[in-house]
Amino acid sequence: DGTVSATDTNGRSTSIGKLKLVTPEAPLTRGIDGLFRAGAGDLSA
């Protein structure tokens, strides 16, 4: 589900965040930098 966890040298695992994954309803637009963006602002996770 995108959850990022970190395991220390003692084997203890801790959740430190979650990747923001989006599923656009409309096609994205490719920028000159090769990345894609939504036309109406940032998308929700």
PDB file of all heavy atoms in Angstrom:
ATOM      1  N   ASP A   1       0.813  -1.213   0.000  1.00  0.00           N
ATOM      2  CA  ASP A   1       0.000   0.000   0.000  1.00  0.00           C
ATOM      3  C   ASP A   1       0.847   1.263   0.000  1.00  0.00           C
ATOM      4  O   ASP A   1       0.306   2.364   0.102  1.00  0.00           O
ATOM      5  CB  ASP A   1      -0.954   0.005   1.193  1.00  0.00           C
ATOM      6  CG  ASP A   1      -0.216   0.026   2.530  1.00  0.00           C
ATOM      7  OD1 ASP A   1       1.031  -0.140   2.543  1.00  0.00           O
ATOM      8  OD2 ASP A   1      -0.880   0.213   3.571  1.00  0.00           O
ATOM      9  N   GLY A   2       2.171   1.122  -0.101  1.00  0.00           N
ATOM     10  CA  GLY A   2       3.061   2.270  -0.134  1.00  0.00           C
ATOM     11  C   GLY A   2       3.621   2.674   1.207  1.00  0.00           C
ATOM     12  O   GLY A   2       4.394   3.643   1.285  1.00  0.00           O
ATOM     13  N   THR A   3       3.278   1.965   2.260  1.00  0.00           N
ATOM     14  CA  THR A   3       3.802   2.296   3.586  1.00  0.00           C
ATOM     15  C   THR A   3       5.294   2.019   3.647  1.00  0.00           C
ATOM     16  O   THR A   3       5.744   0.921   3.290  1.00  0.00           O
ATOM     17  CB  THR A   3       3.086   1.493   4.679  1.00  0.00           C
ATOM     18  OG1 THR A   3       1.681   1.814   4.649  1.00  0.00           O
ATOM     19  CG2 THR A   3       3.648   1.817   6.055  1.00  0.00           C
ATOM     20  N   VAL A   4       6.060   3.013   4.089  1.00  0.00           N
ATOM     21  CA  VAL A   4       7.514   2.894   4.186  1.00  0.00           C
ATOM     22  C   VAL A   4       7.877   2.630   5.640  1.00  0.00           C
ATOM     23  O   VAL A   4       7.478   3.377   6.541  1.00  0.00           O
ATOM     24  CB  VAL A   4       8.212   4.179   3.690  1.00  0.00           C
ATOM     25  CG1 VAL A   4       9.729   4.025   3.765  1.00  0.00           C
ATOM     26  CG2 VAL A   4       7.779   4.509   2.271  1.00  0.00           C
ATOM     27  N   SER A   5       8.619   1.571   5.859  1.00  0.00           N
ATOM     28  CA  SER A   5       9.039   1.215   7.215  1.00  0.00           C
ATOM     29  C   SER A   5      10.557   1.128   7.272  1.00  0.00           C
ATOM     30  O   SER A   5      11.220   0.862   6.267  1.00  0.00           O
ATOM     31  CB  SER A   5       8.421  -0.115   7.643  1.00  0.00           C
ATOM     32  OG  SER A   5       8.805  -1.154   6.750  1.00  0.00           O
ATOM     33  N   ALA A   6      11.100   1.385   8.465  1.00  0.00           N
ATOM     34  CA  ALA A   6      12.541   1.333   8.693  1.00  0.00           C
ATOM     35  C   ALA A   6      12.824   0.348   9.811  1.00  0.00           C
ATOM     36  O   ALA A   6      12.224   0.420  10.888  1.00  0.00           O
ATOM     37  CB  ALA A   6      13.076   2.710   9.050  1.00  0.00           C
ATOM     38  N   THR A   7      13.738  -0.577   9.549  1.00  0.00           N
ATOM     39  CA  THR A   7      14.113  -1.586  10.535  1.00  0.00           C
ATOM     40  C   THR A   7      15.525  -1.292  11.025  1.00  0.00           C
ATOM     41  O   THR A   7      16.464  -1.199  10.226  1.00  0.00           O
ATOM     42  CB  THR A   7      14.057  -2.987   9.916  1.00  0.00           C
ATOM     43  OG1 THR A   7      12.752  -3.229   9.376  1.00  0.00           O
ATOM     44  CG2 THR A   7      14.385  -4.043  10.961  1.00  0.00           C
ATOM     45  N   ASP A   8      15.678  -1.119  12.343  1.00  0.00           N
ATOM     46  CA  ASP A   8      16.991  -0.785  12.895  1.00  0.00           C
ATOM     47  C   ASP A   8      17.829  -2.038  13.087  1.00  0.00           C
ATOM     48  O   ASP A   8      17.414  -3.162  12.761  1.00  0.00           O
ATOM     49  CB  ASP A   8      16.844  -0.003  14.203  1.00  0.00           C
ATOM     50  CG  ASP A   8      16.070  -0.786  15.266  1.00  0.00           C
ATOM     51  OD1 ASP A   8      15.991  -2.026  15.166  1.00  0.00           O
ATOM     52  OD2 ASP A   8      15.531  -0.148  16.194  1.00  0.00           O
ATOM     53  N   THR A   9      19.018  -1.842  13.641  1.00  0.00           N
ATOM     54  CA  THR A   9      19.949  -2.962  13.819  1.00  0.00           C
ATOM     55  C   THR A   9      19.452  -3.984  14.830  1.00  0.00           C
ATOM     56  O   THR A   9      19.930  -5.125  14.845  1.00  0.00           O
ATOM     57  CB  THR A   9      21.315  -2.424  14.257  1.00  0.00           C
ATOM     58  OG1 THR A   9      21.154  -1.615  15.432  1.00  0.00           O
ATOM     59  CG2 THR A   9      21.938  -1.585  13.155  1.00  0.00           C
ATOM     60  N   ASN A  10      18.499  -3.602  15.673  1.00  0.00           N
ATOM     61  CA  ASN A  10      17.936  -4.528  16.659  1.00  0.00           C
ATOM     62  C   ASN A  10      16.725  -5.283  16.122  1.00  0.00           C
ATOM     63  O   ASN A  10      16.121  -6.073  16.850  1.00  0.00           O
ATOM     64  CB  ASN A  10      17.539  -3.770  17.936  1.00  0.00           C
ATOM     65  CG  ASN A  10      18.739  -3.167  18.643  1.00  0.00           C
ATOM     66  OD1 ASN A  10      19.820  -3.772  18.671  1.00  0.00           O
ATOM     67  ND2 ASN A  10      18.564  -1.967  19.204  1.00  0.00           N
ATOM     68  N   GLY A  11      16.372  -5.016  14.866  1.00  0.00           N
ATOM     69  CA  GLY A  11      15.249  -5.723  14.260  1.00  0.00           C
ATOM     70  C   GLY A  11      13.906  -5.090  14.511  1.00  0.00           C
ATOM     71  O   GLY A  11      12.878  -5.667  14.135  1.00  0.00           O
ATOM     72  N   ARG A  12      13.883  -3.905  15.115  1.00  0.00           N
ATOM     73  CA  ARG A  12      12.621  -3.225  15.364  1.00  0.00           C
ATOM     74  C   ARG A  12      12.208  -2.420  14.140  1.00  0.00           C
ATOM     75  O   ARG A  12      12.996  -1.620  13.623  1.00  0.00           O
ATOM     76  CB  ARG A  12      12.729  -2.310  16.584  1.00  0.00           C
ATOM     77  CG  ARG A  12      12.882  -3.069  17.912  1.00  0.00           C
ATOM     78  CD  ARG A  12      13.086  -2.112  19.055  1.00  0.00           C
ATOM     79  NE  ARG A  12      14.347  -1.363  18.909  1.00  0.00           N
ATOM     80  CZ  ARG A  12      14.829  -0.548  19.839  1.00  0.00           C
ATOM     81  NH1 ARG A  12      14.165  -0.365  20.973  1.00  0.00           N
ATOM     82  NH2 ARG A  12      15.973   0.080  19.637  1.00  0.00           N
ATOM     83  N   SER A  13      10.979  -2.643  13.712  1.00  0.00           N
ATOM     84  CA  SER A  13      10.473  -1.979  12.510  1.00  0.00           C
ATOM     85  C   SER A  13       9.506  -0.869  12.890  1.00  0.00           C
ATOM     86  O   SER A  13       8.625  -1.054  13.736  1.00  0.00           O
ATOM     87  CB  SER A  13       9.776  -2.994  11.601  1.00  0.00           C
ATOM     88  OG  SER A  13       9.289  -2.372  10.436  1.00  0.00           O
ATOM     89  N   THR A  14       9.684   0.280  12.240  1.00  0.00           N
ATOM     90  CA  THR A  14       8.838   1.443  12.519  1.00  0.00           C
ATOM     91  C   THR A  14       8.341   2.043  11.208  1.00  0.00           C
ATOM     92  O   THR A  14       9.117   2.206  10.263  1.00  0.00           O
ATOM     93  CB  THR A  14       9.627   2.516  13.302  1.00  0.00           C
ATOM     94  OG1 THR A  14      10.178   1.936  14.483  1.00  0.00           O
ATOM     95  CG2 THR A  14       8.720   3.680  13.673  1.00  0.00           C
ATOM     96  N   SER A  15       7.058   2.379  11.183  1.00  0.00           N
ATOM     97  CA  SER A  15       6.502   3.046  10.007  1.00  0.00           C
ATOM     98  C   SER A  15       6.919   4.514  10.021  1.00  0.00           C
ATOM     99  O   SER A  15       6.716   5.214  11.020  1.00  0.00           O
ATOM    100  CB  SER A  15       4.981   2.923  10.008  1.00  0.00           C
ATOM    101  OG  SER A  15       4.421   3.641   8.925  1.00  0.00           O
ATOM    102  N   ILE A  16       7.507   4.984   8.928  1.00  0.00           N
ATOM    103  CA  ILE A  16       8.008   6.357   8.877  1.00  0.00           C
ATOM    104  C   ILE A  16       7.295   7.201   7.820  1.00  0.00           C
ATOM    105  O   ILE A  16       7.632   8.380   7.647  1.00  0.00           O
ATOM    106  CB  ILE A  16       9.525   6.368   8.597  1.00  0.00           C
ATOM    107  CG1 ILE A  16       9.827   5.606   7.296  1.00  0.00           C
ATOM    108  CG2 ILE A  16      10.302   5.784   9.755  1.00  0.00           C
ATOM    109  CD1 ILE A  16      11.284   5.653   6.888  1.00  0.00           C
ATOM    110  N   GLY A  17       6.338   6.653   7.154  1.00  0.00           N
ATOM    111  CA  GLY A  17       5.611   7.418   6.148  1.00  0.00           C
ATOM    112  C   GLY A  17       4.927   6.508   5.143  1.00  0.00           C
ATOM    113  O   GLY A  17       5.010   5.275   5.241  1.00  0.00           O
ATOM    114  N   LYS A  18       4.271   7.118   4.201  1.00  0.00           N
ATOM    115  CA  LYS A  18       3.571   6.375   3.164  1.00  0.00           C
ATOM    116  C   LYS A  18       3.692   7.118   1.840  1.00  0.00           C
ATOM    117  O   LYS A  18       3.473   8.329   1.776  1.00  0.00           O
ATOM    118  CB  LYS A  18       2.098   6.210   3.532  1.00  0.00           C
ATOM    119  CG  LYS A  18       1.309   5.340   2.564  1.00  0.00           C
ATOM    120  CD  LYS A  18      -0.139   5.171   3.024  1.00  0.00           C
ATOM    121  CE  LYS A  18      -0.915   4.277   2.064  1.00  0.00           C
ATOM    122  NZ  LYS A  18      -2.334   4.121   2.481  1.00  0.00           N
ATOM    123  N   LEU A  19       4.088   6.402   0.812  1.00  0.00           N
ATOM    124  CA  LEU A  19       4.201   7.010  -0.509  1.00  0.00           C
ATOM    125  C   LEU A  19       2.861   7.594  -0.924  1.00  0.00           C
ATOM    126  O   LEU A  19       1.809   6.991  -0.718  1.00  0.00           O
ATOM    127  CB  LEU A  19       4.645   5.975  -1.548  1.00  0.00           C
ATOM    128  CG  LEU A  19       5.973   5.263  -1.326  1.00  0.00           C
ATOM    129  CD1 LEU A  19       6.194   4.237  -2.430  1.00  0.00           C
ATOM    130  CD2 LEU A  19       7.123   6.254  -1.281  1.00  0.00           C
ATOM    131  N   LYS A  20       2.913   8.785  -1.517  1.00  0.00           N
ATOM    132  CA  LYS A  20       1.681   9.369  -2.052  1.00  0.00           C
ATOM    133  C   LYS A  20       1.443   8.787  -3.435  1.00  0.00           C
ATOM    134  O   LYS A  20       2.154   9.097  -4.386  1.00  0.00           O
ATOM    135  CB  LYS A  20       1.767  10.893  -2.116  1.00  0.00           C
ATOM    136  CG  LYS A  20       0.458  11.520  -2.608  1.00  0.00           C
ATOM    137  CD  LYS A  20       0.496  13.036  -2.620  1.00  0.00           C
ATOM    138  CE  LYS A  20      -0.833  13.607  -3.120  1.00  0.00           C
ATOM    139  NZ  LYS A  20      -0.847  15.077  -3.161  1.00  0.00           N
ATOM    140  N   LEU A  21       0.449   7.944  -3.533  1.00  0.00           N
ATOM    141  CA  LEU A  21       0.073   7.308  -4.787  1.00  0.00           C
ATOM    142  C   LEU A  21      -1.263   7.882  -5.240  1.00  0.00           C
ATOM    143  O   LEU A  21      -2.204   7.971  -4.447  1.00  0.00           O
ATOM    144  CB  LEU A  21      -0.029   5.794  -4.620  1.00  0.00           C
ATOM    145  CG  LEU A  21       1.239   5.092  -4.109  1.00  0.00           C
ATOM    146  CD1 LEU A  21       0.935   3.637  -3.773  1.00  0.00           C
ATOM    147  CD2 LEU A  21       2.346   5.183  -5.149  1.00  0.00           C
ATOM    148  N   VAL A  22      -1.333   8.277  -6.487  1.00  0.00           N
ATOM    149  CA  VAL A  22      -2.560   8.877  -7.013  1.00  0.00           C
ATOM    150  C   VAL A  22      -3.035   8.076  -8.215  1.00  0.00           C
ATOM    151  O   VAL A  22      -2.251   7.425  -8.906  1.00  0.00           O
ATOM    152  CB  VAL A  22      -2.333  10.350  -7.422  1.00  0.00           C
ATOM    153  CG1 VAL A  22      -1.837  11.167  -6.231  1.00  0.00           C
ATOM    154  CG2 VAL A  22      -1.342  10.469  -8.582  1.00  0.00           C
ATOM    155  N   THR A  23      -4.328   8.147  -8.450  1.00  0.00           N
ATOM    156  CA  THR A  23      -4.931   7.522  -9.624  1.00  0.00           C
ATOM    157  C   THR A  23      -5.758   8.579 -10.334  1.00  0.00           C
ATOM    158  O   THR A  23      -6.909   8.840  -9.957  1.00  0.00           O
ATOM    159  CB  THR A  23      -5.813   6.326  -9.234  1.00  0.00           C
ATOM    160  OG1 THR A  23      -5.041   5.396  -8.464  1.00  0.00           O
ATOM    161  CG2 THR A  23      -6.344   5.617 -10.475  1.00  0.00           C
ATOM    162  N   PRO A  24      -5.193   9.241 -11.337  1.00  0.00           N
ATOM    163  CA  PRO A  24      -5.913  10.330 -12.010  1.00  0.00           C
ATOM    164  C   PRO A  24      -7.122   9.831 -12.779  1.00  0.00           C
ATOM    165  O   PRO A  24      -7.088   8.773 -13.392  1.00  0.00           O
ATOM    166  CB  PRO A  24      -4.854  10.930 -12.945  1.00  0.00           C
ATOM    167  CG  PRO A  24      -3.869   9.832 -13.162  1.00  0.00           C
ATOM    168  CD  PRO A  24      -3.850   9.027 -11.902  1.00  0.00           C
ATOM    169  N   GLU A  25      -8.188  10.634 -12.750  1.00  0.00           N
ATOM    170  CA  GLU A  25      -9.395  10.297 -13.495  1.00  0.00           C
ATOM    171  C   GLU A  25      -9.297  10.753 -14.947  1.00  0.00           C
ATOM    172  O   GLU A  25      -9.972  10.203 -15.819  1.00  0.00           O
ATOM    173  CB  GLU A  25     -10.614  10.940 -12.821  1.00  0.00           C
ATOM    174  CG  GLU A  25     -10.872  10.418 -11.401  1.00  0.00           C
ATOM    175  CD  GLU A  25     -12.084  11.059 -10.772  1.00  0.00           C
ATOM    176  OE1 GLU A  25     -12.690  11.946 -11.432  1.00  0.00           O
ATOM    177  OE2 GLU A  25     -12.436  10.690  -9.646  1.00  0.00           O
ATOM    178  N   ALA A  26      -8.476  11.771 -15.182  1.00  0.00           N
ATOM    179  CA  ALA A  26      -8.268  12.288 -16.538  1.00  0.00           C
ATOM    180  C   ALA A  26      -6.797  12.153 -16.889  1.00  0.00           C
ATOM    181  O   ALA A  26      -5.943  12.090 -16.004  1.00  0.00           O
ATOM    182  CB  ALA A  26      -8.713  13.748 -16.629  1.00  0.00           C
ATOM    183  N   PRO A  27      -6.479  12.086 -18.186  1.00  0.00           N
ATOM    184  CA  PRO A  27      -5.070  11.972 -18.580  1.00  0.00           C
ATOM    185  C   PRO A  27      -4.242  13.137 -18.054  1.00  0.00           C
ATOM    186  O   PRO A  27      -4.702  14.281 -18.000  1.00  0.00           O
ATOM    187  CB  PRO A  27      -5.141  11.985 -20.115  1.00  0.00           C
ATOM    188  CG  PRO A  27      -6.518  11.512 -20.445  1.00  0.00           C
ATOM    189  CD  PRO A  27      -7.389  12.030 -19.353  1.00  0.00           C
ATOM    190  N   LEU A  28      -3.013  12.839 -17.661  1.00  0.00           N
ATOM    191  CA  LEU A  28      -2.093  13.858 -17.181  1.00  0.00           C
ATOM    192  C   LEU A  28      -1.414  14.548 -18.360  1.00  0.00           C
ATOM    193  O   LEU A  28      -1.512  14.089 -19.498  1.00  0.00           O
ATOM    194  CB  LEU A  28      -1.044  13.224 -16.263  1.00  0.00           C
ATOM    195  CG  LEU A  28      -1.579  12.501 -15.020  1.00  0.00           C
ATOM    196  CD1 LEU A  28      -0.442  11.808 -14.280  1.00  0.00           C
ATOM    197  CD2 LEU A  28      -2.293  13.475 -14.095  1.00  0.00           C
ATOM    198  N   THR A  29      -0.740  15.632 -18.060  1.00  0.00           N
ATOM    199  CA  THR A  29      -0.022  16.388 -19.089  1.00  0.00           C
ATOM    200  C   THR A  29       1.475  16.263 -18.852  1.00  0.00           C
ATOM    201  O   THR A  29       1.956  16.501 -17.735  1.00  0.00           O
ATOM    202  CB  THR A  29      -0.429  17.871 -19.060  1.00  0.00           C
ATOM    203  OG1 THR A  29      -1.838  17.980 -19.267  1.00  0.00           O
ATOM    204  CG2 THR A  29       0.294  18.647 -20.150  1.00  0.00           C
ATOM    205  N   ARG A  30       2.221  15.884 -19.899  1.00  0.00           N
ATOM    206  CA  ARG A  30       3.661  15.745 -19.771  1.00  0.00           C
ATOM    207  C   ARG A  30       4.318  17.123 -19.859  1.00  0.00           C
ATOM    208  O   ARG A  30       4.021  17.927 -20.748  1.00  0.00           O
ATOM    209  CB  ARG A  30       4.215  14.852 -20.887  1.00  0.00           C
ATOM    210  CG  ARG A  30       5.692  14.483 -20.701  1.00  0.00           C
ATOM    211  CD  ARG A  30       6.309  14.035 -22.027  1.00  0.00           C
ATOM    212  NE  ARG A  30       5.547  12.968 -22.650  1.00  0.00           N
ATOM    213  CZ  ARG A  30       5.789  11.664 -22.483  1.00  0.00           C
ATOM    214  NH1 ARG A  30       6.784  11.268 -21.727  1.00  0.00           N
ATOM    215  NH2 ARG A  30       5.047  10.757 -23.101  1.00  0.00           N
ATOM    216  N   GLY A  31       5.237  17.408 -18.932  1.00  0.00           N
ATOM    217  CA  GLY A  31       5.970  18.656 -18.945  1.00  0.00           C
ATOM    218  C   GLY A  31       7.279  18.510 -19.698  1.00  0.00           C
ATOM    219  O   GLY A  31       7.691  17.407 -20.072  1.00  0.00           O
ATOM    220  N   ILE A  32       7.962  19.642 -19.901  1.00  0.00           N
ATOM    221  CA  ILE A  32       9.241  19.602 -20.616  1.00  0.00           C
ATOM    222  C   ILE A  32      10.308  18.886 -19.794  1.00  0.00           C
ATOM    223  O   ILE A  32      11.347  18.496 -20.330  1.00  0.00           O
ATOM    224  CB  ILE A  32       9.705  21.019 -20.974  1.00  0.00           C
ATOM    225  CG1 ILE A  32       9.840  21.880 -19.709  1.00  0.00           C
ATOM    226  CG2 ILE A  32       8.737  21.667 -21.951  1.00  0.00           C
ATOM    227  CD1 ILE A  32      10.392  23.265 -19.984  1.00  0.00           C
ATOM    228  N   ASP A  33      10.065  18.712 -18.492  1.00  0.00           N
ATOM    229  CA  ASP A  33      11.017  17.994 -17.646  1.00  0.00           C
ATOM    230  C   ASP A  33      10.782  16.494 -17.644  1.00  0.00           C
ATOM    231  O   ASP A  33      11.468  15.745 -16.937  1.00  0.00           O
ATOM    232  CB  ASP A  33      10.965  18.529 -16.208  1.00  0.00           C
ATOM    233  CG  ASP A  33       9.555  18.481 -15.612  1.00  0.00           C
ATOM    234  OD1 ASP A  33       8.624  18.019 -16.315  1.00  0.00           O
ATOM    235  OD2 ASP A  33       9.379  18.926 -14.461  1.00  0.00           O
ATOM    236  N   GLY A  34       9.792  16.033 -18.421  1.00  0.00           N
ATOM    237  CA  GLY A  34       9.501  14.607 -18.500  1.00  0.00           C
ATOM    238  C   GLY A  34       8.543  14.108 -17.439  1.00  0.00           C
ATOM    239  O   GLY A  34       8.135  12.945 -17.475  1.00  0.00           O
ATOM    240  N   LEU A  35       8.176  14.960 -16.487  1.00  0.00           N
ATOM    241  CA  LEU A  35       7.231  14.585 -15.441  1.00  0.00           C
ATOM    242  C   LEU A  35       5.811  14.930 -15.881  1.00  0.00           C
ATOM    243  O   LEU A  35       5.600  15.748 -16.776  1.00  0.00           O
ATOM    244  CB  LEU A  35       7.563  15.302 -14.137  1.00  0.00           C
ATOM    245  CG  LEU A  35       8.942  15.007 -13.536  1.00  0.00           C
ATOM    246  CD1 LEU A  35       9.190  15.900 -12.325  1.00  0.00           C
ATOM    247  CD2 LEU A  35       9.065  13.539 -13.146  1.00  0.00           C
ATOM    248  N   PHE A  36       4.840  14.319 -15.225  1.00  0.00           N
ATOM    249  CA  PHE A  36       3.440  14.523 -15.573  1.00  0.00           C
ATOM    250  C   PHE A  36       2.741  15.310 -14.464  1.00  0.00           C
ATOM    251  O   PHE A  36       3.062  15.159 -13.283  1.00  0.00           O
ATOM    252  CB  PHE A  36       2.739  13.181 -15.785  1.00  0.00           C
ATOM    253  CG  PHE A  36       3.236  12.426 -16.990  1.00  0.00           C
ATOM    254  CD1 PHE A  36       4.426  11.716 -16.951  1.00  0.00           C
ATOM    255  CD2 PHE A  36       2.516  12.440 -18.173  1.00  0.00           C
ATOM    256  CE1 PHE A  36       4.887  11.022 -18.062  1.00  0.00           C
ATOM    257  CE2 PHE A  36       2.963  11.747 -19.289  1.00  0.00           C
ATOM    258  CZ  PHE A  36       4.150  11.047 -19.233  1.00  0.00           C
ATOM    259  N   ARG A  37       1.799  16.136 -14.870  1.00  0.00           N
ATOM    260  CA  ARG A  37       1.064  16.963 -13.918  1.00  0.00           C
ATOM    261  C   ARG A  37      -0.415  16.973 -14.266  1.00  0.00           C
ATOM    262  O   ARG A  37      -0.793  16.749 -15.418  1.00  0.00           O
ATOM    263  CB  ARG A  37       1.618  18.390 -13.905  1.00  0.00           C
ATOM    264  CG  ARG A  37       3.031  18.489 -13.331  1.00  0.00           C
ATOM    265  CD  ARG A  37       3.615  19.882 -13.481  1.00  0.00           C
ATOM    266  NE  ARG A  37       4.912  20.018 -12.834  1.00  0.00           N
ATOM    267  CZ  ARG A  37       6.065  19.619 -13.367  1.00  0.00           C
ATOM    268  NH1 ARG A  37       6.070  19.067 -14.572  1.00  0.00           N
ATOM    269  NH2 ARG A  37       7.198  19.777 -12.716  1.00  0.00           N
ATOM    270  N   ALA A  38      -1.222  17.253 -13.241  1.00  0.00           N
ATOM    271  CA  ALA A  38      -2.667  17.355 -13.447  1.00  0.00           C
ATOM    272  C   ALA A  38      -3.013  18.785 -13.822  1.00  0.00           C
ATOM    273  O   ALA A  38      -2.359  19.729 -13.377  1.00  0.00           O
ATOM    274  CB  ALA A  38      -3.411  16.940 -12.181  1.00  0.00           C
ATOM    275  N   GLY A  39      -4.043  18.937 -14.634  1.00  0.00           N
ATOM    276  CA  GLY A  39      -4.407  20.270 -15.089  1.00  0.00           C
ATOM    277  C   GLY A  39      -5.099  21.110 -14.030  1.00  0.00           C
ATOM    278  O   GLY A  39      -5.091  22.331 -14.102  1.00  0.00           O
ATOM    279  N   ALA A  40      -5.689  20.469 -13.031  1.00  0.00           N
ATOM    280  CA  ALA A  40      -6.470  21.198 -12.021  1.00  0.00           C
ATOM    281  C   ALA A  40      -5.842  21.072 -10.641  1.00  0.00           C
ATOM    282  O   ALA A  40      -6.506  20.721  -9.669  1.00  0.00           O
ATOM    283  CB  ALA A  40      -7.902  20.700 -12.008  1.00  0.00           C
ATOM    284  N   GLY A  41      -4.559  21.345 -10.525  1.00  0.00           N
ATOM    285  CA  GLY A  41      -3.907  21.308  -9.214  1.00  0.00           C
ATOM    286  C   GLY A  41      -3.449  19.914  -8.829  1.00  0.00           C
ATOM    287  O   GLY A  41      -3.476  18.968  -9.618  1.00  0.00           O
ATOM    288  N   ASP A  42      -3.032  19.788  -7.569  1.00  0.00           N
ATOM    289  CA  ASP A  42      -2.516  18.518  -7.067  1.00  0.00           C
ATOM    290  C   ASP A  42      -3.645  17.511  -6.861  1.00  0.00           C
ATOM    291  O   ASP A  42      -4.766  17.873  -6.474  1.00  0.00           O
ATOM    292  CB  ASP A  42      -1.773  18.736  -5.743  1.00  0.00           C
ATOM    293  CG  ASP A  42      -0.594  19.684  -5.903  1.00  0.00           C
ATOM    294  OD1 ASP A  42      -0.141  19.857  -7.044  1.00  0.00           O
ATOM    295  OD2 ASP A  42      -0.137  20.246  -4.886  1.00  0.00           O
ATOM    296  N   LEU A  43      -3.330  16.258  -7.112  1.00  0.00           N
ATOM    297  CA  LEU A  43      -4.301  15.189  -6.931  1.00  0.00           C
ATOM    298  C   LEU A  43      -4.259  14.656  -5.507  1.00  0.00           C
ATOM    299  O   LEU A  43      -3.233  14.737  -4.823  1.00  0.00           O
ATOM    300  CB  LEU A  43      -4.021  14.047  -7.922  1.00  0.00           C
ATOM    301  CG  LEU A  43      -4.074  14.409  -9.403  1.00  0.00           C
ATOM    302  CD1 LEU A  43      -3.690  13.200 -10.250  1.00  0.00           C
ATOM    303  CD2 LEU A  43      -5.454  14.912  -9.790  1.00  0.00           C
ATOM    304  N   SER A  44      -5.362  14.116  -5.075  1.00  0.00           N
ATOM    305  CA  SER A  44      -5.442  13.512  -3.739  1.00  0.00           C
ATOM    306  C   SER A  44      -4.913  12.089  -3.776  1.00  0.00           C
ATOM    307  O   SER A  44      -5.003  11.395  -4.795  1.00  0.00           O
ATOM    308  CB  SER A  44      -6.894  13.514  -3.242  1.00  0.00           C
ATOM    309  OG  SER A  44      -7.417  14.826  -3.189  1.00  0.00           O
ATOM    310  N   ALA A  45      -4.353  11.661  -2.650  1.00  0.00           N
ATOM    311  CA  ALA A  45      -3.827  10.300  -2.555  1.00  0.00           C
ATOM    312  C   ALA A  45      -4.957   9.291  -2.662  1.00  0.00           C
ATOM    313  O   ALA A  45      -6.054   9.500  -2.138  1.00  0.00           O
ATOM    314  CB  ALA A  45      -3.074  10.121  -1.239  1.00  0.00           C
TER     315      ALA A  45
END
